[in-house]
PDB file of all heavy atoms in Angstrom:
ATOM      1  N   LEU A   1      18.440   9.334   5.983  1.00  0.00           N
ATOM      2  CA  LEU A   1      19.384   8.251   5.562  1.00  0.00           C
ATOM      3  C   LEU A   1      19.096   7.056   6.366  1.00  0.00           C
ATOM      4  O   LEU A   1      18.869   7.111   7.654  1.00  0.00           O
ATOM      5  CB  LEU A   1      20.788   8.759   5.878  1.00  0.00           C
ATOM      6  CG  LEU A   1      21.938   7.947   5.310  1.00  0.00           C
ATOM      7  CD1 LEU A   1      21.788   7.840   3.786  1.00  0.00           C
ATOM      8  CD2 LEU A   1      23.247   8.538   5.666  1.00  0.00           C
ATOM      9  N   TRP A   2      19.051   5.945   5.774  1.00  0.00           N
ATOM     10  CA  TRP A   2      18.651   4.650   6.353  1.00  0.00           C
ATOM     11  C   TRP A   2      17.306   4.655   7.035  1.00  0.00           C
ATOM     12  O   TRP A   2      17.062   3.957   8.127  1.00  0.00           O
ATOM     13  CB  TRP A   2      19.662   4.031   7.266  1.00  0.00           C
ATOM     14  CG  TRP A   2      21.022   3.669   6.667  1.00  0.00           C
ATOM     15  CD1 TRP A   2      21.182   2.635   5.858  1.00  0.00           C
ATOM     16  CD2 TRP A   2      22.237   4.237   6.812  1.00  0.00           C
ATOM     17  NE1 TRP A   2      22.483   2.515   5.472  1.00  0.00           N
ATOM     18  CE2 TRP A   2      23.171   3.565   5.984  1.00  0.00           C
ATOM     19  CE3 TRP A   2      22.691   5.428   7.421  1.00  0.00           C
ATOM     20  CZ2 TRP A   2      24.479   3.831   5.933  1.00  0.00           C
ATOM     21  CZ3 TRP A   2      24.102   5.771   7.280  1.00  0.00           C
ATOM     22  CH2 TRP A   2      24.949   5.049   6.477  1.00  0.00           C
ATOM     23  N   SER A   3      16.313   5.277   6.489  1.00  0.00           N
ATOM     24  CA  SER A   3      15.042   5.424   7.121  1.00  0.00           C
ATOM     25  C   SER A   3      14.450   3.950   7.090  1.00  0.00           C
ATOM     26  O   SER A   3      14.437   3.337   5.963  1.00  0.00           O
ATOM     27  CB  SER A   3      14.175   6.343   6.307  1.00  0.00           C
ATOM     28  OG  SER A   3      12.824   6.364   6.790  1.00  0.00           O
ATOM     29  N   PRO A   4      13.884   3.488   8.229  1.00  0.00           N
ATOM     30  CA  PRO A   4      13.236   2.134   8.191  1.00  0.00           C
ATOM     31  C   PRO A   4      12.020   2.114   7.307  1.00  0.00           C
ATOM     32  O   PRO A   4      11.331   3.136   7.174  1.00  0.00           O
ATOM     33  CB  PRO A   4      13.052   1.918   9.693  1.00  0.00           C
ATOM     34  CG  PRO A   4      13.064   3.224  10.359  1.00  0.00           C
ATOM     35  CD  PRO A   4      13.892   4.097   9.589  1.00  0.00           C
ATOM     36  N   TRP A   5      11.744   0.998   6.695  1.00  0.00           N
ATOM     37  CA  TRP A   5      10.524   0.859   5.988  1.00  0.00           C
ATOM     38  C   TRP A   5       9.389   0.896   6.917  1.00  0.00           C
ATOM     39  O   TRP A   5       9.355   0.413   8.097  1.00  0.00           O
ATOM     40  CB  TRP A   5      10.559  -0.487   5.278  1.00  0.00           C
ATOM     41  CG  TRP A   5      11.681  -0.803   4.351  1.00  0.00           C
ATOM     42  CD1 TRP A   5      12.637  -1.754   4.461  1.00  0.00           C
ATOM     43  CD2 TRP A   5      12.019  -0.075   3.212  1.00  0.00           C
ATOM     44  NE1 TRP A   5      13.492  -1.642   3.324  1.00  0.00           N
ATOM     45  CE2 TRP A   5      13.037  -0.597   2.541  1.00  0.00           C
ATOM     46  CE3 TRP A   5      11.378   1.075   2.555  1.00  0.00           C
ATOM     47  CZ2 TRP A   5      13.676  -0.169   1.382  1.00  0.00           C
ATOM     48  CZ3 TRP A   5      11.862   1.623   1.383  1.00  0.00           C
ATOM     49  CH2 TRP A   5      13.054   0.924   0.826  1.00  0.00           C
ATOM     50  N   LYS A   6       8.242   1.499   6.493  1.00  0.00           N
ATOM     51  CA  LYS A   6       7.017   1.577   7.286  1.00  0.00           C
ATOM     52  C   LYS A   6       6.119   0.327   7.137  1.00  0.00           C
ATOM     53  O   LYS A   6       5.124   0.220   7.895  1.00  0.00           O
ATOM     54  CB  LYS A   6       6.247   2.797   6.813  1.00  0.00           C
ATOM     55  CG  LYS A   6       6.960   4.070   7.217  1.00  0.00           C
ATOM     56  CD  LYS A   6       6.138   5.332   7.001  1.00  0.00           C
ATOM     57  CE  LYS A   6       6.888   6.644   7.452  1.00  0.00           C
ATOM     58  NZ  LYS A   6       5.957   7.708   7.165  1.00  0.00           N
ATOM     59  N   LEU A   7       6.543  -0.612   6.291  1.00  0.00           N
ATOM     60  CA  LEU A   7       5.645  -1.855   6.133  1.00  0.00           C
ATOM     61  C   LEU A   7       6.609  -3.099   6.148  1.00  0.00           C
ATOM     62  O   LEU A   7       7.820  -2.916   6.198  1.00  0.00           O
ATOM     63  CB  LEU A   7       4.954  -1.760   4.743  1.00  0.00           C
ATOM     64  CG  LEU A   7       4.028  -0.561   4.603  1.00  0.00           C
ATOM     65  CD1 LEU A   7       3.709  -0.381   3.140  1.00  0.00           C
ATOM     66  CD2 LEU A   7       2.774  -0.742   5.377  1.00  0.00           C
ATOM     67  N   GLN A   8       6.021  -4.264   6.100  1.00  0.00           N
ATOM     68  CA  GLN A   8       6.842  -5.474   6.212  1.00  0.00           C
ATOM     69  C   GLN A   8       6.162  -6.508   5.180  1.00  0.00           C
ATOM     70  O   GLN A   8       4.979  -6.396   4.808  1.00  0.00           O
ATOM     71  CB  GLN A   8       6.865  -6.005   7.536  1.00  0.00           C
ATOM     72  CG  GLN A   8       7.635  -5.187   8.567  1.00  0.00           C
ATOM     73  CD  GLN A   8       7.561  -5.782   9.919  1.00  0.00           C
ATOM     74  OE1 GLN A   8       7.231  -6.901  10.144  1.00  0.00           O
ATOM     75  NE2 GLN A   8       8.028  -4.963  10.981  1.00  0.00           N
ATOM     76  N   GLY A   9       7.033  -7.463   4.967  1.00  0.00           N
ATOM     77  CA  GLY A   9       6.413  -8.667   4.150  1.00  0.00           C
ATOM     78  C   GLY A   9       5.862  -8.330   2.782  1.00  0.00           C
ATOM     79  O   GLY A   9       6.489  -7.486   2.096  1.00  0.00           O
ATOM     80  N   ASP A  10       4.727  -8.895   2.533  1.00  0.00           N
ATOM     81  CA  ASP A  10       4.183  -8.717   1.109  1.00  0.00           C
ATOM     82  C   ASP A  10       3.667  -7.259   1.019  1.00  0.00           C
ATOM     83  O   ASP A  10       3.661  -6.724  -0.163  1.00  0.00           O
ATOM     84  CB  ASP A  10       2.906  -9.657   1.015  1.00  0.00           C
ATOM     85  CG  ASP A  10       3.478 -11.127   0.803  1.00  0.00           C
ATOM     86  OD1 ASP A  10       4.575 -11.359   0.539  1.00  0.00           O
ATOM     87  OD2 ASP A  10       2.524 -12.048   0.976  1.00  0.00           O
ATOM     88  N   GLU A  11       3.284  -6.628   2.112  1.00  0.00           N
ATOM     89  CA  GLU A  11       2.837  -5.237   1.976  1.00  0.00           C
ATOM     90  C   GLU A  11       4.040  -4.358   1.525  1.00  0.00           C
ATOM     91  O   GLU A  11       3.938  -3.397   0.770  1.00  0.00           O
ATOM     92  CB  GLU A  11       2.242  -4.732   3.335  1.00  0.00           C
ATOM     93  CG  GLU A  11       0.850  -5.342   3.617  1.00  0.00           C
ATOM     94  CD  GLU A  11       0.327  -4.707   4.934  1.00  0.00           C
ATOM     95  OE1 GLU A  11       1.093  -4.505   5.846  1.00  0.00           O
ATOM     96  OE2 GLU A  11      -0.896  -4.594   4.987  1.00  0.00           O
ATOM     97  N   LEU A  12       5.202  -4.719   2.133  1.00  0.00           N
ATOM     98  CA  LEU A  12       6.352  -3.921   1.801  1.00  0.00           C
ATOM     99  C   LEU A  12       6.699  -4.086   0.216  1.00  0.00           C
ATOM    100  O   LEU A  12       7.044  -3.110  -0.433  1.00  0.00           O
ATOM    101  CB  LEU A  12       7.559  -4.294   2.689  1.00  0.00           C
ATOM    102  CG  LEU A  12       8.904  -3.554   2.311  1.00  0.00           C
ATOM    103  CD1 LEU A  12       8.791  -2.091   2.411  1.00  0.00           C
ATOM    104  CD2 LEU A  12      10.026  -4.057   3.288  1.00  0.00           C
ATOM    105  N   VAL A  13       6.649  -5.320  -0.229  1.00  0.00           N
ATOM    106  CA  VAL A  13       6.970  -5.594  -1.576  1.00  0.00           C
ATOM    107  C   VAL A  13       6.099  -4.792  -2.571  1.00  0.00           C
ATOM    108  O   VAL A  13       6.439  -4.156  -3.469  1.00  0.00           O
ATOM    109  CB  VAL A  13       6.855  -7.131  -1.853  1.00  0.00           C
ATOM    110  CG1 VAL A  13       6.991  -7.332  -3.375  1.00  0.00           C
ATOM    111  CG2 VAL A  13       7.885  -7.870  -1.194  1.00  0.00           C
ATOM    112  N   ALA A  14       4.796  -4.871  -2.146  1.00  0.00           N
ATOM    113  CA  ALA A  14       3.745  -4.124  -2.955  1.00  0.00           C
ATOM    114  C   ALA A  14       4.039  -2.595  -2.903  1.00  0.00           C
ATOM    115  O   ALA A  14       3.943  -1.906  -3.942  1.00  0.00           O
ATOM    116  CB  ALA A  14       2.324  -4.458  -2.504  1.00  0.00           C
ATOM    117  N   ALA A  15       4.356  -2.066  -1.687  1.00  0.00           N
ATOM    118  CA  ALA A  15       4.615  -0.648  -1.542  1.00  0.00           C
ATOM    119  C   ALA A  15       5.895  -0.255  -2.258  1.00  0.00           C
ATOM    120  O   ALA A  15       5.869   0.856  -2.964  1.00  0.00           O
ATOM    121  CB  ALA A  15       4.749  -0.327  -0.012  1.00  0.00           C
ATOM    122  N   LYS A  16       6.906  -1.030  -2.352  1.00  0.00           N
ATOM    123  CA  LYS A  16       8.091  -0.711  -3.168  1.00  0.00           C
ATOM    124  C   LYS A  16       7.726  -0.595  -4.526  1.00  0.00           C
ATOM    125  O   LYS A  16       8.284   0.174  -5.340  1.00  0.00           O
ATOM    126  CB  LYS A  16       9.169  -1.735  -2.781  1.00  0.00           C
ATOM    127  CG  LYS A  16       9.811  -1.554  -1.458  1.00  0.00           C
ATOM    128  CD  LYS A  16      10.890  -2.804  -1.364  1.00  0.00           C
ATOM    129  CE  LYS A  16      11.584  -2.776  -0.027  1.00  0.00           C
ATOM    130  NZ  LYS A  16      12.624  -3.822  -0.042  1.00  0.00           N
ATOM    131  N   GLN A  17       6.895  -1.524  -5.051  1.00  0.00           N
ATOM    132  CA  GLN A  17       6.533  -1.640  -6.404  1.00  0.00           C
ATOM    133  C   GLN A  17       5.579  -0.372  -6.818  1.00  0.00           C
ATOM    134  O   GLN A  17       5.868   0.206  -7.869  1.00  0.00           O
ATOM    135  CB  GLN A  17       5.837  -2.843  -6.802  1.00  0.00           C
ATOM    136  CG  GLN A  17       6.719  -4.095  -6.829  1.00  0.00           C
ATOM    137  CD  GLN A  17       5.991  -5.335  -7.078  1.00  0.00           C
ATOM    138  OE1 GLN A  17       4.774  -5.413  -7.119  1.00  0.00           O
ATOM    139  NE2 GLN A  17       6.811  -6.439  -7.384  1.00  0.00           N
ATOM    140  N   ASP A  18       4.758   0.015  -5.871  1.00  0.00           N
ATOM    141  CA  ASP A  18       4.047   1.247  -6.134  1.00  0.00           C
ATOM    142  C   ASP A  18       4.905   2.512  -6.121  1.00  0.00           C
ATOM    143  O   ASP A  18       4.729   3.369  -6.977  1.00  0.00           O
ATOM    144  CB  ASP A  18       3.007   1.439  -4.979  1.00  0.00           C
ATOM    145  CG  ASP A  18       1.839   0.393  -5.011  1.00  0.00           C
ATOM    146  OD1 ASP A  18       1.612  -0.160  -6.116  1.00  0.00           O
ATOM    147  OD2 ASP A  18       1.168   0.352  -4.019  1.00  0.00           O
ATOM    148  N   ALA A  19       5.934   2.475  -5.250  1.00  0.00           N
ATOM    149  CA  ALA A  19       6.842   3.644  -5.258  1.00  0.00           C
ATOM    150  C   ALA A  19       7.643   3.610  -6.610  1.00  0.00           C
ATOM    151  O   ALA A  19       7.914   4.757  -7.113  1.00  0.00           O
ATOM    152  CB  ALA A  19       7.758   3.579  -4.070  1.00  0.00           C
ATOM    153  N   LEU A  20       8.078   2.414  -7.018  1.00  0.00           N
ATOM    154  CA  LEU A  20       8.732   2.380  -8.323  1.00  0.00           C
ATOM    155  C   LEU A  20       7.900   2.955  -9.443  1.00  0.00           C
ATOM    156  O   LEU A  20       8.335   3.609 -10.326  1.00  0.00           O
ATOM    157  CB  LEU A  20       9.151   0.968  -8.476  1.00  0.00           C
ATOM    158  CG  LEU A  20      10.348   0.729  -9.411  1.00  0.00           C
ATOM    159  CD1 LEU A  20      11.126  -0.429  -8.937  1.00  0.00           C
ATOM    160  CD2 LEU A  20       9.921   0.503 -10.819  1.00  0.00           C
ATOM    161  N   ARG A  21       6.559   2.516  -9.442  1.00  0.00           N
ATOM    162  CA  ARG A  21       5.696   3.040 -10.479  1.00  0.00           C
ATOM    163  C   ARG A  21       5.617   4.537 -10.410  1.00  0.00           C
ATOM    164  O   ARG A  21       5.564   5.200 -11.491  1.00  0.00           O
ATOM    165  CB  ARG A  21       4.289   2.374 -10.301  1.00  0.00           C
ATOM    166  CG  ARG A  21       4.146   0.975 -10.682  1.00  0.00           C
ATOM    167  CD  ARG A  21       2.644   0.579 -10.630  1.00  0.00           C
ATOM    168  NE  ARG A  21       2.476  -0.761 -10.759  1.00  0.00           N
ATOM    169  CZ  ARG A  21       2.418  -1.679  -9.685  1.00  0.00           C
ATOM    170  NH1 ARG A  21       2.346  -1.209  -8.455  1.00  0.00           N
ATOM    171  NH2 ARG A  21       2.210  -2.915  -9.977  1.00  0.00           N
ATOM    172  N   VAL A  22       5.377   5.108  -9.241  1.00  0.00           N
ATOM    173  CA  VAL A  22       5.376   6.625  -9.155  1.00  0.00           C
ATOM    174  C   VAL A  22       6.675   7.216  -9.708  1.00  0.00           C
ATOM    175  O   VAL A  22       6.580   8.187 -10.332  1.00  0.00           O
ATOM    176  CB  VAL A  22       5.107   6.957  -7.649  1.00  0.00           C
ATOM    177  CG1 VAL A  22       5.283   8.506  -7.310  1.00  0.00           C
ATOM    178  CG2 VAL A  22       3.737   6.502  -7.200  1.00  0.00           C
ATOM    179  N   SER A  23       7.792   6.686  -9.242  1.00  0.00           N
ATOM    180  CA  SER A  23       9.073   7.236  -9.646  1.00  0.00           C
ATOM    181  C   SER A  23       9.237   7.148 -11.187  1.00  0.00           C
ATOM    182  O   SER A  23       9.651   8.157 -11.886  1.00  0.00           O
ATOM    183  CB  SER A  23      10.256   6.449  -9.016  1.00  0.00           C
ATOM    184  OG  SER A  23      11.473   6.825  -9.470  1.00  0.00           O
ATOM    185  N   LEU A  24       8.723   6.064 -11.726  1.00  0.00           N
ATOM    186  CA  LEU A  24       8.870   5.955 -13.194  1.00  0.00           C
ATOM    187  C   LEU A  24       7.914   6.905 -13.915  1.00  0.00           C
ATOM    188  O   LEU A  24       8.321   7.672 -14.826  1.00  0.00           O
ATOM    189  CB  LEU A  24       8.409   4.541 -13.549  1.00  0.00           C
ATOM    190  CG  LEU A  24       8.333   4.186 -15.182  1.00  0.00           C
ATOM    191  CD1 LEU A  24       9.668   4.527 -15.827  1.00  0.00           C
ATOM    192  CD2 LEU A  24       7.790   2.739 -15.347  1.00  0.00           C
ATOM    193  N   ALA A  25       6.681   7.102 -13.454  1.00  0.00           N
ATOM    194  CA  ALA A  25       5.737   8.091 -13.938  1.00  0.00           C
ATOM    195  C   ALA A  25       6.287   9.454 -13.833  1.00  0.00           C
ATOM    196  O   ALA A  25       6.171  10.288 -14.886  1.00  0.00           O
ATOM    197  CB  ALA A  25       4.413   7.927 -13.214  1.00  0.00           C
ATOM    198  N   GLU A  26       6.934   9.847 -12.748  1.00  0.00           N
ATOM    199  CA  GLU A  26       7.518  11.172 -12.717  1.00  0.00           C
ATOM    200  C   GLU A  26       8.630  11.431 -13.616  1.00  0.00           C
ATOM    201  O   GLU A  26       8.743  12.472 -14.221  1.00  0.00           O
ATOM    202  CB  GLU A  26       7.989  11.293 -11.266  1.00  0.00           C
ATOM    203  CG  GLU A  26       6.889  11.500 -10.174  1.00  0.00           C
ATOM    204  CD  GLU A  26       7.465  11.594  -8.718  1.00  0.00           C
ATOM    205  OE1 GLU A  26       8.591  11.242  -8.508  1.00  0.00           O
ATOM    206  OE2 GLU A  26       6.523  11.912  -7.898  1.00  0.00           O
ATOM    207  N   GLN A  27       9.481  10.370 -13.865  1.00  0.00           N
ATOM    208  CA  GLN A  27      10.559  10.537 -14.824  1.00  0.00           C
ATOM    209  C   GLN A  27       9.963  10.636 -16.208  1.00  0.00           C
ATOM    210  O   GLN A  27      10.409  11.445 -17.023  1.00  0.00           O
ATOM    211  CB  GLN A  27      11.431   9.245 -14.729  1.00  0.00           C
ATOM    212  CG  GLN A  27      12.230   9.252 -13.439  1.00  0.00           C
ATOM    213  CD  GLN A  27      13.044   7.945 -13.335  1.00  0.00           C
ATOM    214  OE1 GLN A  27      14.060   7.761 -14.033  1.00  0.00           O
ATOM    215  NE2 GLN A  27      12.587   6.953 -12.546  1.00  0.00           N
ATOM    216  N   GLN A  28       8.902   9.875 -16.507  1.00  0.00           N
ATOM    217  CA  GLN A  28       8.375   9.834 -17.852  1.00  0.00           C
ATOM    218  C   GLN A  28       7.653  11.316 -18.076  1.00  0.00           C
ATOM    219  O   GLN A  28       7.840  11.820 -19.196  1.00  0.00           O
ATOM    220  CB  GLN A  28       7.351   8.738 -18.054  1.00  0.00           C
ATOM    221  CG  GLN A  28       8.057   7.440 -18.150  1.00  0.00           C
ATOM    222  CD  GLN A  28       7.067   6.165 -18.098  1.00  0.00           C
ATOM    223  OE1 GLN A  28       6.194   6.218 -17.435  1.00  0.00           O
ATOM    224  NE2 GLN A  28       7.561   5.168 -18.822  1.00  0.00           N
ATOM    225  N   ALA A  29       6.974  11.807 -17.146  1.00  0.00           N
ATOM    226  CA  ALA A  29       6.358  13.069 -17.167  1.00  0.00           C
ATOM    227  C   ALA A  29       7.350  14.225 -17.460  1.00  0.00           C
ATOM    228  O   ALA A  29       7.072  15.235 -18.065  1.00  0.00           O
ATOM    229  CB  ALA A  29       5.489  13.368 -15.960  1.00  0.00           C
ATOM    230  N   ALA A  30       8.572  14.059 -16.807  1.00  0.00           N
ATOM    231  CA  ALA A  30       9.657  15.073 -16.957  1.00  0.00           C
ATOM    232  C   ALA A  30      10.332  14.906 -18.288  1.00  0.00           C
ATOM    233  O   ALA A  30      11.243  15.684 -18.571  1.00  0.00           O
ATOM    234  CB  ALA A  30      10.588  14.918 -15.847  1.00  0.00           C
ATOM    235  N   GLY A  31      10.042  13.869 -19.070  1.00  0.00           N
ATOM    236  CA  GLY A  31      10.689  13.651 -20.332  1.00  0.00           C
ATOM    237  C   GLY A  31      12.031  13.035 -20.306  1.00  0.00           C
ATOM    238  O   GLY A  31      12.844  13.075 -21.294  1.00  0.00           O
ATOM    239  N   ILE A  32      12.290  12.206 -19.144  1.00  0.00           N
ATOM    240  CA  ILE A  32      13.617  11.544 -19.058  1.00  0.00           C
ATOM    241  C   ILE A  32      13.564  10.377 -20.016  1.00  0.00           C
ATOM    242  O   ILE A  32      12.648   9.646 -20.181  1.00  0.00           O
ATOM    243  CB  ILE A  32      13.729  10.974 -17.593  1.00  0.00           C
ATOM    244  CG1 ILE A  32      13.765  12.121 -16.628  1.00  0.00           C
ATOM    245  CG2 ILE A  32      14.969  10.209 -17.450  1.00  0.00           C
ATOM    246  CD1 ILE A  32      14.904  13.091 -16.719  1.00  0.00           C
ATOM    247  N   ASP A  33      14.784  10.324 -20.776  1.00  0.00           N
ATOM    248  CA  ASP A  33      14.828   9.295 -21.875  1.00  0.00           C
ATOM    249  C   ASP A  33      15.280   7.877 -21.260  1.00  0.00           C
ATOM    250  O   ASP A  33      14.820   6.927 -21.747  1.00  0.00           O
ATOM    251  CB  ASP A  33      15.811   9.780 -22.969  1.00  0.00           C
ATOM    252  CG  ASP A  33      15.478  11.083 -23.527  1.00  0.00           C
ATOM    253  OD1 ASP A  33      14.301  11.048 -23.965  1.00  0.00           O
ATOM    254  OD2 ASP A  33      16.275  11.904 -23.656  1.00  0.00           O
ATOM    255  N   ILE A  34      16.241   7.867 -20.371  1.00  0.00           N
ATOM    256  CA  ILE A  34      16.685   6.629 -19.872  1.00  0.00           C
ATOM    257  C   ILE A  34      16.275   6.643 -18.370  1.00  0.00           C
ATOM    258  O   ILE A  34      16.760   7.460 -17.528  1.00  0.00           O
ATOM    259  CB  ILE A  34      18.270   6.577 -19.954  1.00  0.00           C
ATOM    260  CG1 ILE A  34      18.700   6.765 -21.366  1.00  0.00           C
ATOM    261  CG2 ILE A  34      18.781   5.207 -19.287  1.00  0.00           C
ATOM    262  CD1 ILE A  34      20.290   6.982 -21.480  1.00  0.00           C
ATOM    263  N   VAL A  35      15.307   5.831 -18.050  1.00  0.00           N
ATOM    264  CA  VAL A  35      14.747   5.896 -16.713  1.00  0.00           C
ATOM    265  C   VAL A  35      15.492   4.948 -15.719  1.00  0.00           C
ATOM    266  O   VAL A  35      16.340   4.131 -16.187  1.00  0.00           O
ATOM    267  CB  VAL A  35      13.284   5.477 -16.787  1.00  0.00           C
ATOM    268  CG1 VAL A  35      12.487   6.568 -17.566  1.00  0.00           C
ATOM    269  CG2 VAL A  35      13.093   4.023 -17.278  1.00  0.00           C
ATOM    270  N   SER A  36      15.191   5.146 -14.415  1.00  0.00           N
ATOM    271  CA  SER A  36      15.869   4.252 -13.440  1.00  0.00           C
ATOM    272  C   SER A  36      14.757   3.907 -12.401  1.00  0.00           C
ATOM    273  O   SER A  36      13.597   4.273 -12.521  1.00  0.00           O
ATOM    274  CB  SER A  36      16.929   4.973 -12.753  1.00  0.00           C
ATOM    275  OG  SER A  36      16.396   5.978 -11.880  1.00  0.00           O
ATOM    276  N   ASP A  37      15.148   3.076 -11.495  1.00  0.00           N
ATOM    277  CA  ASP A  37      14.291   2.698 -10.262  1.00  0.00           C
ATOM    278  C   ASP A  37      14.045   3.760  -9.303  1.00  0.00           C
ATOM    279  O   ASP A  37      13.292   3.668  -8.451  1.00  0.00           O
ATOM    280  CB  ASP A  37      14.752   1.417  -9.707  1.00  0.00           C
ATOM    281  CG  ASP A  37      16.130   1.550  -8.964  1.00  0.00           C
ATOM    282  OD1 ASP A  37      16.837   2.370  -9.384  1.00  0.00           O
ATOM    283  OD2 ASP A  37      16.218   0.878  -7.933  1.00  0.00           O
ATOM    284  N   GLY A  38      14.933   4.808  -9.434  1.00  0.00           N
ATOM    285  CA  GLY A  38      14.967   5.791  -8.434  1.00  0.00           C
ATOM    286  C   GLY A  38      15.427   5.374  -7.122  1.00  0.00           C
ATOM    287  O   GLY A  38      15.172   6.096  -6.069  1.00  0.00           O
ATOM    288  N   GLU A  39      15.925   4.154  -7.047  1.00  0.00           N
ATOM    289  CA  GLU A  39      16.356   3.489  -5.861  1.00  0.00           C
ATOM    290  C   GLU A  39      15.194   3.465  -4.754  1.00  0.00           C
ATOM    291  O   GLU A  39      15.456   3.469  -3.607  1.00  0.00           O
ATOM    292  CB  GLU A  39      17.543   4.224  -5.199  1.00  0.00           C
ATOM    293  CG  GLU A  39      18.810   4.197  -6.225  1.00  0.00           C
ATOM    294  CD  GLU A  39      20.012   4.836  -5.699  1.00  0.00           C
ATOM    295  OE1 GLU A  39      20.193   4.909  -4.443  1.00  0.00           O
ATOM    296  OE2 GLU A  39      20.761   5.350  -6.465  1.00  0.00           O
ATOM    297  N   GLN A  40      14.045   3.157  -5.297  1.00  0.00           N
ATOM    298  CA  GLN A  40      12.896   3.094  -4.451  1.00  0.00           C
ATOM    299  C   GLN A  40      12.839   1.884  -3.581  1.00  0.00           C
ATOM    300  O   GLN A  40      12.216   1.762  -2.551  1.00  0.00           O
ATOM    301  CB  GLN A  40      11.602   3.142  -5.231  1.00  0.00           C
ATOM    302  CG  GLN A  40      11.375   4.469  -5.922  1.00  0.00           C
ATOM    303  CD  GLN A  40      11.301   5.720  -5.007  1.00  0.00           C
ATOM    304  OE1 GLN A  40      10.620   5.820  -4.106  1.00  0.00           O
ATOM    305  NE2 GLN A  40      12.258   6.603  -5.289  1.00  0.00           N
ATOM    306  N   THR A  41      13.618   0.874  -4.023  1.00  0.00           N
ATOM    307  CA  THR A  41      13.464  -0.520  -3.405  1.00  0.00           C
ATOM    308  C   THR A  41      14.652  -0.676  -2.365  1.00  0.00           C
ATOM    309  O   THR A  41      14.802  -1.793  -1.786  1.00  0.00           O
ATOM    310  CB  THR A  41      13.474  -1.666  -4.347  1.00  0.00           C
ATOM    311  OG1 THR A  41      14.717  -1.613  -5.171  1.00  0.00           O
ATOM    312  CG2 THR A  41      12.295  -1.565  -5.266  1.00  0.00           C
TER     313      THR A  41
END
């Protein structure tokens, strides 16, 4: 809970977007119809 981010600045923004992509791909692979951000950001 409240784990600090491991990156900062532009690297953090890019990492959050990568995590969001991974979360989205996992939901799509599982057949989820209404997807979310998985609260990755």
